[in-house]
Amino acid sequence: MHEVRHDMHVYHSSSTDFKWDALSTLEATIAAWRDTPVPEPIAAERGQDYRFEEEIAQLKQEFSVVQRVAEELGWQGDFATTPCVFYMADEHGFFYGFAFKRKDGQGSFTIAPFEMPWLEGEE
């Protein structure tokens, strides 16, 4: 199933365990962003102590939207695994999306601000 809600592309598919553990969890992504050395142009603008807090706040906000979208489609707030973050690139840079499995064995959600046509028709 593919729907667009709140500017997010939502895919609901059967659960898979294949390579799920290769994804970075939401918590691990936030920790990695905080531990990332500040590139010189950003340090010059925001200071050496900058820890990407604005970007982390945006990531958390976008995940809140993702949860709301999934709830609109029947998700009941249960996770079989910790929510994960994945990245895709286009000519403008990297973008992230979210994936999580439902605890009730009713499949997985993959939600991102970009289309993933290879997931269409899954269910």
C-alpha atoms as a PDB file:
ATOM      1  CA  MET A   1       0.000   0.000   0.000  1.00  0.00           C
ATOM      2  CA  HIS A   2       1.241   3.508  -0.833  1.00  0.00           C
ATOM      3  CA  GLU A   3      -0.381   6.729   0.356  1.00  0.00           C
ATOM      4  CA  VAL A   4       0.764  10.308   0.701  1.00  0.00           C
ATOM      5  CA  ARG A   5      -0.151  12.026   3.954  1.00  0.00           C
ATOM      6  CA  HIS A   6       1.287  15.164   5.515  1.00  0.00           C
ATOM      7  CA  ASP A   7       3.861  15.336   2.693  1.00  0.00           C
ATOM      8  CA  MET A   8       5.099  11.872   3.623  1.00  0.00           C
ATOM      9  CA  HIS A   9       5.049   8.788   1.402  1.00  0.00           C
ATOM     10  CA  VAL A  10       3.736   5.869   3.424  1.00  0.00           C
ATOM     11  CA  TYR A  11       4.334   2.238   2.546  1.00  0.00           C
ATOM     12  CA  HIS A  12       2.840  -0.634   4.516  1.00  0.00           C
ATOM     13  CA  SER A  13       4.284  -4.022   3.661  1.00  0.00           C
ATOM     14  CA  SER A  14       4.606  -7.481   5.112  1.00  0.00           C
ATOM     15  CA  SER A  15       7.153  -7.740   7.891  1.00  0.00           C
ATOM     16  CA  THR A  16      10.641  -8.769   7.006  1.00  0.00           C
ATOM     17  CA  ASP A  17      13.570  -9.609   9.209  1.00  0.00           C
ATOM     18  CA  PHE A  18      16.093  -9.488   6.370  1.00  0.00           C
ATOM     19  CA  LYS A  19      18.903  -7.025   7.232  1.00  0.00           C
ATOM     20  CA  TRP A  20      16.712  -5.107   9.704  1.00  0.00           C
ATOM     21  CA  ASP A  21      19.614  -5.084  12.151  1.00  0.00           C
ATOM     22  CA  ALA A  22      21.745  -3.180   9.597  1.00  0.00           C
ATOM     23  CA  LEU A  23      19.594  -0.079  10.050  1.00  0.00           C
ATOM     24  CA  SER A  24      20.430   2.601  12.586  1.00  0.00           C
ATOM     25  CA  THR A  25      17.868   3.106  15.328  1.00  0.00           C
ATOM     26  CA  LEU A  26      16.397   6.530  15.946  1.00  0.00           C
ATOM     27  CA  GLU A  27      18.288   6.753  19.251  1.00  0.00           C
ATOM     28  CA  ALA A  28      21.586   5.677  17.647  1.00  0.00           C
ATOM     29  CA  THR A  29      21.116   8.235  14.870  1.00  0.00           C
ATOM     30  CA  ILE A  30      20.592  11.026  17.395  1.00  0.00           C
ATOM     31  CA  ALA A  31      23.676   9.919  19.367  1.00  0.00           C
ATOM     32  CA  ALA A  32      25.764   9.773  16.182  1.00  0.00           C
ATOM     33  CA  TRP A  33      24.673  13.259  15.147  1.00  0.00           C
ATOM     34  CA  ARG A  34      25.630  14.610  18.589  1.00  0.00           C
ATOM     35  CA  ASP A  35      29.036  12.907  18.362  1.00  0.00           C
ATOM     36  CA  THR A  36      29.763  14.100  14.818  1.00  0.00           C
ATOM     37  CA  PRO A  37      32.672  16.543  14.632  1.00  0.00           C
ATOM     38  CA  VAL A  38      31.442  19.965  13.612  1.00  0.00           C
ATOM     39  CA  PRO A  39      32.595  20.810  10.071  1.00  0.00           C
ATOM     40  CA  GLU A  40      34.654  24.004   9.872  1.00  0.00           C
ATOM     41  CA  PRO A  41      32.024  26.108   8.012  1.00  0.00           C
ATOM     42  CA  ILE A  42      29.406  25.245  10.647  1.00  0.00           C
ATOM     43  CA  ALA A  43      31.868  25.757  13.512  1.00  0.00           C
ATOM     44  CA  ALA A  44      32.726  29.205  12.143  1.00  0.00           C
ATOM     45  CA  GLU A  45      29.031  30.092  12.030  1.00  0.00           C
ATOM     46  CA  ARG A  46      27.705  28.351  15.145  1.00  0.00           C
ATOM     47  CA  GLY A  47      30.743  27.604  17.300  1.00  0.00           C
ATOM     48  CA  GLN A  48      32.839  24.519  18.065  1.00  0.00           C
ATOM     49  CA  ASP A  49      30.375  23.355  20.733  1.00  0.00           C
ATOM     50  CA  TYR A  50      27.498  23.043  18.258  1.00  0.00           C
ATOM     51  CA  ARG A  51      26.000  19.533  18.445  1.00  0.00           C
ATOM     52  CA  PHE A  52      23.334  19.573  15.715  1.00  0.00           C
ATOM     53  CA  GLU A  53      20.535  20.169  18.247  1.00  0.00           C
ATOM     54  CA  GLU A  54      18.389  22.007  15.663  1.00  0.00           C
ATOM     55  CA  GLU A  55      18.675  19.090  13.256  1.00  0.00           C
ATOM     56  CA  ILE A  56      17.958  16.603  16.047  1.00  0.00           C
ATOM     57  CA  ALA A  57      14.854  18.574  17.065  1.00  0.00           C
ATOM     58  CA  GLN A  58      13.699  18.490  13.428  1.00  0.00           C
ATOM     59  CA  LEU A  59      14.320  14.729  13.225  1.00  0.00           C
ATOM     60  CA  LYS A  60      12.238  14.183  16.380  1.00  0.00           C
ATOM     61  CA  GLN A  61       9.471  16.438  15.051  1.00  0.00           C
ATOM     62  CA  GLU A  62       9.388  14.568  11.750  1.00  0.00           C
ATOM     63  CA  PHE A  63       9.214  11.257  13.595  1.00  0.00           C
ATOM     64  CA  SER A  64       6.195  12.602  15.521  1.00  0.00           C
ATOM     65  CA  VAL A  65       4.529  13.307  12.169  1.00  0.00           C
ATOM     66  CA  VAL A  66       5.442   9.806  10.994  1.00  0.00           C
ATOM     67  CA  GLN A  67       3.816   8.280  14.081  1.00  0.00           C
ATOM     68  CA  ARG A  68       0.665  10.353  13.524  1.00  0.00           C
ATOM     69  CA  VAL A  69       0.507   9.264   9.873  1.00  0.00           C
ATOM     70  CA  ALA A  70       0.925   5.586  10.839  1.00  0.00           C
ATOM     71  CA  GLU A  71      -1.817   5.928  13.459  1.00  0.00           C
ATOM     72  CA  GLU A  72      -4.147   7.320  10.777  1.00  0.00           C
ATOM     73  CA  LEU A  73      -3.506   4.112   8.829  1.00  0.00           C
ATOM     74  CA  GLY A  74      -4.236   1.740  11.687  1.00  0.00           C
ATOM     75  CA  TRP A  75      -0.972   1.490  13.615  1.00  0.00           C
ATOM     76  CA  GLN A  76      -1.742   1.163  17.321  1.00  0.00           C
ATOM     77  CA  GLY A  77       1.526   2.477  18.721  1.00  0.00           C
ATOM     78  CA  ASP A  78       3.307  -0.841  19.129  1.00  0.00           C
ATOM     79  CA  PHE A  79       6.862  -1.506  17.961  1.00  0.00           C
ATOM     80  CA  ALA A  80       8.312  -4.965  17.307  1.00  0.00           C
ATOM     81  CA  THR A  81      11.698  -3.259  16.939  1.00  0.00           C
ATOM     82  CA  THR A  82      13.026   0.160  17.741  1.00  0.00           C
ATOM     83  CA  PRO A  83      12.165   2.662  14.974  1.00  0.00           C
ATOM     84  CA  CYS A  84      14.985   2.982  12.447  1.00  0.00           C
ATOM     85  CA  VAL A  85      16.301   5.775  10.261  1.00  0.00           C
ATOM     86  CA  PHE A  86      17.541   5.261   6.715  1.00  0.00           C
ATOM     87  CA  TYR A  87      18.999   7.633   4.130  1.00  0.00           C
ATOM     88  CA  MET A  88      18.472   8.176   0.419  1.00  0.00           C
ATOM     89  CA  ALA A  89      20.188  10.692  -1.839  1.00  0.00           C
ATOM     90  CA  ASP A  90      19.222  12.786  -4.816  1.00  0.00           C
ATOM     91  CA  GLU A  91      20.912  15.654  -6.630  1.00  0.00           C
ATOM     92  CA  HIS A  92      20.235  17.973  -3.659  1.00  0.00           C
ATOM     93  CA  GLY A  93      21.703  15.848  -0.886  1.00  0.00           C
ATOM     94  CA  PHE A  94      20.703  13.182   1.602  1.00  0.00           C
ATOM     95  CA  PHE A  95      17.220  12.753   2.998  1.00  0.00           C
ATOM     96  CA  TYR A  96      16.096  10.428   5.727  1.00  0.00           C
ATOM     97  CA  GLY A  97      13.061   8.273   6.258  1.00  0.00           C
ATOM     98  CA  PHE A  98      11.812   5.981   8.991  1.00  0.00           C
ATOM     99  CA  ALA A  99      10.989   2.289   9.176  1.00  0.00           C
ATOM    100  CA  PHE A 100       9.448   0.239  11.931  1.00  0.00           C
ATOM    101  CA  LYS A 101       7.779  -3.115  12.412  1.00  0.00           C
ATOM    102  CA  ARG A 102       4.450  -3.577  14.092  1.00  0.00           C
ATOM    103  CA  LYS A 103       4.432  -5.759  17.186  1.00  0.00           C
ATOM    104  CA  ASP A 104       1.186  -7.430  16.218  1.00  0.00           C
ATOM    105  CA  GLY A 105       2.831  -9.099  13.203  1.00  0.00           C
ATOM    106  CA  GLN A 106       0.785  -6.955  10.854  1.00  0.00           C
ATOM    107  CA  GLY A 107       3.691  -5.743   8.759  1.00  0.00           C
ATOM    108  CA  SER A 108       6.102  -2.850   8.575  1.00  0.00           C
ATOM    109  CA  PHE A 109       5.811   0.837   7.848  1.00  0.00           C
ATOM    110  CA  THR A 110       8.342   2.683   5.719  1.00  0.00           C
ATOM    111  CA  ILE A 111       7.639   6.418   5.733  1.00  0.00           C
ATOM    112  CA  ALA A 112       9.691   9.125   4.067  1.00  0.00           C
ATOM    113  CA  PRO A 113       9.386  12.504   2.332  1.00  0.00           C
ATOM    114  CA  PHE A 114      10.281  10.866  -0.998  1.00  0.00           C
ATOM    115  CA  GLU A 115       8.741   8.196  -3.202  1.00  0.00           C
ATOM    116  CA  MET A 116      10.019   4.621  -3.185  1.00  0.00           C
ATOM    117  CA  PRO A 117       8.167   3.073  -6.123  1.00  0.00           C
ATOM    118  CA  TRP A 118       9.831  -0.315  -5.646  1.00  0.00           C
ATOM    119  CA  LEU A 119       7.734  -0.684  -2.461  1.00  0.00           C
ATOM    120  CA  GLU A 120       4.421  -0.081  -4.227  1.00  0.00           C
ATOM    121  CA  GLY A 121       2.243  -3.119  -4.459  1.00  0.00           C
ATOM    122  CA  GLU A 122       3.741  -4.662  -1.321  1.00  0.00           C
ATOM    123  CA  GLU A 123       1.347  -5.818   1.377  1.00  0.00           C
END
